[in-house]
C-alpha atoms as a PDB file:
ATOM      1  CA  MET A   1       2.558  13.796  -9.013  1.00  0.00           C
ATOM      2  CA  ALA A   2       3.933  10.565  -7.861  1.00  0.00           C
ATOM      3  CA  HIS A   3       4.090   9.421 -11.397  1.00  0.00           C
ATOM      4  CA  LEU A   4       5.831  12.380 -12.727  1.00  0.00           C
ATOM      5  CA  SER A   5       8.639  12.197  -9.544  1.00  0.00           C
ATOM      6  CA  VAL A   6       9.368   8.350 -10.687  1.00  0.00           C
ATOM      7  CA  GLN A   7       9.559   9.339 -14.428  1.00  0.00           C
ATOM      8  CA  SER A   8      11.884  12.389 -13.441  1.00  0.00           C
ATOM      9  CA  TRP A   9      13.860  10.154 -11.497  1.00  0.00           C
ATOM     10  CA  LEU A  10      14.205   7.149 -13.667  1.00  0.00           C
ATOM     11  CA  CYS A  11      14.890   9.804 -16.505  1.00  0.00           C
ATOM     12  CA  ALA A  12      17.870  11.121 -14.413  1.00  0.00           C
ATOM     13  CA  VAL A  13      19.097   7.863 -13.853  1.00  0.00           C
ATOM     14  CA  ALA A  14      19.092   7.104 -17.504  1.00  0.00           C
ATOM     15  CA  PHE A  15      21.069  10.141 -18.353  1.00  0.00           C
ATOM     16  CA  THR A  16      24.138   9.081 -16.738  1.00  0.00           C
ATOM     17  CA  VAL A  17      24.423   6.619 -19.714  1.00  0.00           C
ATOM     18  CA  PHE A  18      25.669   9.645 -21.776  1.00  0.00           C
ATOM     19  CA  VAL A  19      29.037   9.415 -19.726  1.00  0.00           C
ATOM     20  CA  VAL A  20      30.182   8.065 -22.942  1.00  0.00           C
ATOM     21  CA  TRP A  21      29.750  11.643 -24.877  1.00  0.00           C
ATOM     22  CA  ALA A  22      29.968  13.890 -21.640  1.00  0.00           C
ATOM     23  CA  TRP A  23      31.966  13.414 -18.620  1.00  0.00           C
ATOM     24  CA  TRP A  24      29.343  15.547 -16.514  1.00  0.00           C
ATOM     25  CA  ALA A  25      26.476  13.460 -17.429  1.00  0.00           C
ATOM     26  CA  PRO A  26      26.981  11.316 -14.415  1.00  0.00           C
ATOM     27  CA  VAL A  27      26.942  14.181 -11.980  1.00  0.00           C
ATOM     28  CA  VAL A  28      23.983  16.021 -13.531  1.00  0.00           C
ATOM     29  CA  GLY A  29      21.937  12.926 -13.647  1.00  0.00           C
ATOM     30  CA  LEU A  30      22.712  11.809 -10.276  1.00  0.00           C
ATOM     31  CA  GLY A  31      22.214  15.167  -8.975  1.00  0.00           C
ATOM     32  CA  VAL A  32      18.950  15.516 -10.456  1.00  0.00           C
ATOM     33  CA  ALA A  33      17.877  11.937  -9.267  1.00  0.00           C
ATOM     34  CA  TRP A  34      19.084  12.792  -5.736  1.00  0.00           C
ATOM     35  CA  VAL A  35      17.093  16.067  -5.703  1.00  0.00           C
ATOM     36  CA  THR A  36      14.010  14.380  -7.219  1.00  0.00           C
ATOM     37  CA  TYR A  37      14.013  11.694  -4.457  1.00  0.00           C
ATOM     38  CA  TYR A  38      14.356  13.750  -1.447  1.00  0.00           C
ATOM     39  CA  THR A  39      11.882  16.554  -2.764  1.00  0.00           C
ATOM     40  CA  ARG A  40       9.118  14.842  -4.561  1.00  0.00           C
ATOM     41  CA  MET A  41       9.184  10.971  -4.184  1.00  0.00           C
ATOM     42  CA  LEU A  42       9.271  10.674  -0.400  1.00  0.00           C
ATOM     43  CA  ALA A  43       6.567  13.105  -0.153  1.00  0.00           C
ATOM     44  CA  ALA A  44       4.715  10.931  -2.660  1.00  0.00           C
ATOM     45  CA  ALA A  45       5.338   7.994  -0.716  1.00  0.00           C
ATOM     46  CA  ARG A  46       4.100   9.700   2.451  1.00  0.00           C
ATOM     47  CA  THR A  47       0.867  10.562   0.939  1.00  0.00           C
ATOM     48  CA  TYR A  48       0.333   7.248  -0.748  1.00  0.00           C
ATOM     49  CA  GLY A  49       0.753   5.406   2.699  1.00  0.00           C
ATOM     50  CA  THR A  50      -1.430   7.763   4.467  1.00  0.00           C
ATOM     51  CA  LEU A  51      -4.017   6.936   1.489  1.00  0.00           C
ATOM     52  CA  ILE A  52      -3.517   3.110   2.331  1.00  0.00           C
ATOM     53  CA  GLU A  53      -4.190   3.316   5.723  1.00  0.00           C
ATOM     54  CA  SER A  54      -7.124   5.674   5.615  1.00  0.00           C
ATOM     55  CA  CYS A  55      -8.715   3.097   3.129  1.00  0.00           C
ATOM     56  CA  PHE A  56      -7.943   0.198   5.646  1.00  0.00           C
ATOM     57  CA  ASP A  57      -9.284   2.472   8.543  1.00  0.00           C
ATOM     58  CA  ILE A  58     -12.698   3.036   6.824  1.00  0.00           C
ATOM     59  CA  HIS A  59     -13.188  -0.377   5.121  1.00  0.00           C
ATOM     60  CA  ARG A  60     -11.779  -2.913   7.903  1.00  0.00           C
ATOM     61  CA  GLY A  61     -15.089  -4.141   8.647  1.00  0.00           C
ATOM     62  CA  LEU A  62     -15.760  -5.032   5.176  1.00  0.00           C
ATOM     63  CA  LEU A  63     -12.572  -7.423   5.515  1.00  0.00           C
ATOM     64  CA  TYR A  64     -13.908  -8.949   8.407  1.00  0.00           C
ATOM     65  CA  ALA A  65     -17.066  -9.575   6.733  1.00  0.00           C
ATOM     66  CA  ALA A  66     -15.502 -10.712   3.561  1.00  0.00           C
ATOM     67  CA  LEU A  67     -13.255 -13.222   5.561  1.00  0.00           C
ATOM     68  CA  ASN A  68     -16.312 -14.377   7.472  1.00  0.00           C
ATOM     69  CA  TRP A  69     -14.360 -13.554  10.556  1.00  0.00           C
ATOM     70  CA  PRO A  70     -16.020 -12.278  13.916  1.00  0.00           C
ATOM     71  CA  ARG A  71     -15.214  -8.530  14.737  1.00  0.00           C
ATOM     72  CA  PRO A  72     -13.550  -7.670  17.730  1.00  0.00           C
ATOM     73  CA  ALA A  73     -14.775  -6.037  20.531  1.00  0.00           C
ATOM     74  CA  ASN A  74     -12.162  -3.700  21.432  1.00  0.00           C
ATOM     75  CA  PRO A  75      -8.845  -2.132  20.216  1.00  0.00           C
ATOM     76  CA  ARG A  76      -6.673  -4.668  21.940  1.00  0.00           C
ATOM     77  CA  GLU A  77      -8.717  -7.614  20.433  1.00  0.00           C
ATOM     78  CA  GLU A  78      -8.535  -6.096  16.928  1.00  0.00           C
ATOM     79  CA  TYR A  79      -4.686  -5.474  16.964  1.00  0.00           C
ATOM     80  CA  ALA A  80      -4.866  -9.296  17.973  1.00  0.00           C
ATOM     81  CA  ALA A  81      -6.959  -9.990  15.153  1.00  0.00           C
ATOM     82  CA  GLY A  82      -5.450  -7.826  12.704  1.00  0.00           C
ATOM     83  CA  GLN A  83      -2.103  -9.746  13.309  1.00  0.00           C
ATOM     84  CA  ARG A  84      -3.923 -13.533  12.878  1.00  0.00           C
ATOM     85  CA  ILE A  85      -5.464 -11.941   9.713  1.00  0.00           C
ATOM     86  CA  SER A  86      -2.255 -10.974   8.244  1.00  0.00           C
ATOM     87  CA  ALA A  87      -0.998 -14.335   8.885  1.00  0.00           C
ATOM     88  CA  TYR A  88      -3.975 -15.897   7.668  1.00  0.00           C
ATOM     89  CA  LEU A  89      -3.794 -14.196   4.299  1.00  0.00           C
ATOM     90  CA  THR A  90      -0.284 -14.658   3.862  1.00  0.00           C
ATOM     91  CA  THR A  91       0.230 -18.219   4.584  1.00  0.00           C
ATOM     92  CA  GLY A  92      -3.095 -19.761   5.538  1.00  0.00           C
ATOM     93  CA  SER A  93      -4.229 -22.116   8.455  1.00  0.00           C
ATOM     94  CA  ARG A  94      -4.802 -25.252   9.379  1.00  0.00           C
ATOM     95  CA  GLN A  95      -6.167 -24.366  12.822  1.00  0.00           C
ATOM     96  CA  THR A  96      -9.908 -24.584  13.823  1.00  0.00           C
ATOM     97  CA  SER A  97     -10.120 -21.020  15.241  1.00  0.00           C
ATOM     98  CA  PRO A  98     -11.513 -18.349  14.665  1.00  0.00           C
ATOM     99  CA  THR A  99     -14.746 -19.847  13.954  1.00  0.00           C
ATOM    100  CA  PHE A 100     -16.351 -17.957  10.890  1.00  0.00           C
ATOM    101  CA  THR A 101     -19.321 -16.137  11.250  1.00  0.00           C
ATOM    102  CA  ASP A 102     -22.394 -16.282   8.893  1.00  0.00           C
ATOM    103  CA  PRO A 103     -21.995 -14.087   5.751  1.00  0.00           C
ATOM    104  CA  PRO A 104     -23.890 -10.477   6.143  1.00  0.00           C
ATOM    105  CA  PRO A 105     -26.925 -10.699   3.790  1.00  0.00           C
ATOM    106  CA  THR A 106     -26.464  -9.368   0.608  1.00  0.00           C
ATOM    107  CA  ILE A 107     -28.646  -6.247  -0.566  1.00  0.00           C
ATOM    108  CA  THR A 108     -29.692  -6.487  -4.093  1.00  0.00           C
ATOM    109  CA  VAL A 109     -30.774  -3.045  -5.602  1.00  0.00           C
ATOM    110  CA  LEU A 110     -33.069  -3.245  -8.461  1.00  0.00           C
ATOM    111  CA  PRO A 111     -32.902  -0.981 -11.601  1.00  0.00           C
ATOM    112  CA  SER A 112     -35.448   1.694 -11.326  1.00  0.00           C
END
Protein backbone atom coordinates (compact mmCIF):
# COMPACT_ATOMS: atom_id res chain seq x y z
CA MET A 1 0.00 0.00 0.00
CA ALA A 2 2.83 2.39 0.83
CA HIS A 3 4.56 1.86 -2.49
CA LEU A 4 1.33 2.45 -4.40
CA SER A 5 0.74 5.66 -2.46
CA VAL A 6 4.17 7.01 -3.31
CA GLN A 7 3.79 5.99 -6.94
CA SER A 8 0.40 7.70 -7.17
CA TRP A 9 1.75 10.86 -5.59
CA LEU A 10 4.80 10.92 -7.86
CA CYS A 11 2.70 10.36 -11.00
CA ALA A 12 0.32 13.13 -9.94
CA VAL A 13 3.19 15.56 -9.43
CA ALA A 14 4.77 14.51 -12.73
CA PHE A 15 1.41 15.10 -14.44
CA THR A 16 1.83 18.82 -13.82
CA VAL A 17 4.45 18.88 -16.59
CA PHE A 18 1.60 18.71 -19.11
CA VAL A 19 0.79 22.36 -18.43
CA VAL A 20 2.36 22.99 -21.82
CA TRP A 21 -0.60 21.27 -23.53
CA ALA A 22 -3.40 21.73 -20.98
CA TRP A 23 -3.84 24.62 -18.54
CA TRP A 24 -5.75 22.41 -16.10
CA ALA A 25 -2.97 19.77 -15.76
CA PRO A 26 -1.32 21.37 -12.70
CA VAL A 27 -4.69 21.75 -10.98
CA VAL A 28 -5.54 18.08 -11.47
CA GLY A 29 -2.00 16.86 -10.75
CA LEU A 30 -1.53 18.83 -7.55
CA GLY A 31 -5.10 18.03 -6.45
CA VAL A 32 -4.51 14.29 -6.81
CA ALA A 33 -1.12 14.63 -5.13
CA TRP A 34 -2.69 16.47 -2.18
CA VAL A 35 -5.48 13.91 -1.78
CA THR A 36 -3.04 11.01 -2.06
CA TYR A 37 -0.73 12.57 0.51
CA TYR A 38 -3.40 13.19 3.11
CA THR A 39 -5.40 9.99 2.61
CA ARG A 40 -2.74 7.40 1.87
CA MET A 41 0.82 8.49 2.51
CA LEU A 42 0.33 9.76 6.07
CA ALA A 43 -1.46 6.54 7.05
CA ALA A 44 1.30 4.45 5.48
CA ALA A 45 3.96 6.48 7.32
CA ARG A 46 2.13 5.97 10.63
CA THR A 47 1.95 2.22 10.02
CA TYR A 48 5.63 2.07 9.07
CA GLY A 49 6.58 4.03 12.20
CA THR A 50 4.58 1.62 14.35
CA LEU A 51 6.35 -1.34 12.74
CA ILE A 52 9.78 0.18 13.37
CA GLU A 53 8.89 0.89 16.99
CA SER A 54 7.55 -2.65 17.46
CA CYS A 55 10.71 -4.20 16.01
CA PHE A 56 12.83 -2.16 18.38
CA ASP A 57 10.66 -3.08 21.37
CA ILE A 58 10.92 -6.77 20.53
CA HIS A 59 14.60 -6.89 19.61
CA ARG A 60 16.23 -4.28 21.83
CA GLY A 61 17.81 -7.01 23.95
CA LEU A 62 19.59 -8.24 20.83
CA LEU A 63 20.88 -4.71 20.24
CA TYR A 64 22.47 -4.64 23.70
CA ALA A 65 23.92 -8.10 23.11
CA ALA A 66 25.28 -7.22 19.67
CA LEU A 67 26.99 -4.10 21.05
CA ASN A 68 28.19 -5.96 24.17
CA TRP A 69 26.60 -3.26 26.34
CA PRO A 70 25.26 -4.10 29.78
CA ARG A 71 21.47 -4.37 29.87
CA PRO A 72 19.77 -1.72 31.98
CA ALA A 73 18.02 -2.75 35.17
CA ASN A 74 14.97 -0.49 34.92
CA PRO A 75 13.17 1.82 32.46
CA ARG A 76 14.91 4.96 33.72
CA GLU A 77 18.32 3.40 33.13
CA GLU A 78 17.14 2.11 29.76
CA TYR A 79 16.15 5.62 28.67
CA ALA A 80 19.60 6.95 29.55
CA ALA A 81 21.31 3.93 27.99
CA GLY A 82 19.26 4.38 24.82
CA GLN A 83 20.48 7.94 24.47
CA ARG A 84 24.08 6.83 25.01
CA ILE A 85 23.69 4.02 22.44
CA SER A 86 22.24 6.43 19.88
CA ALA A 87 25.14 8.82 20.41
CA TYR A 88 27.63 5.92 20.28
CA LEU A 89 26.22 4.57 17.02
CA THR A 90 26.06 7.95 15.31
CA THR A 91 29.30 9.59 16.46
CA GLY A 92 31.36 6.93 18.21
CA SER A 93 33.01 7.38 21.58
CA ARG A 94 36.44 7.71 23.11
CA GLN A 95 35.24 7.30 26.69
CA THR A 96 35.96 4.33 28.90
CA SER A 97 32.35 3.73 29.88
CA PRO A 98 30.27 1.69 29.63
CA THR A 99 32.38 -1.37 30.11
CA PHE A 100 31.52 -3.94 27.49
CA THR A 101 30.12 -7.23 28.69
CA ASP A 102 31.11 -10.65 27.41
CA PRO A 103 29.16 -11.60 24.31
CA PRO A 104 26.48 -14.21 24.85
CA PRO A 105 27.42 -17.75 23.84
CA THR A 106 26.45 -18.65 20.31
CA ILE A 107 24.21 -21.62 19.68
CA THR A 108 25.06 -23.79 16.73
CA VAL A 109 22.21 -25.69 15.16
CA LEU A 110 23.32 -28.89 13.54
CA PRO A 111 21.49 -30.07 10.41
CA SER A 112 19.30 -33.06 11.00
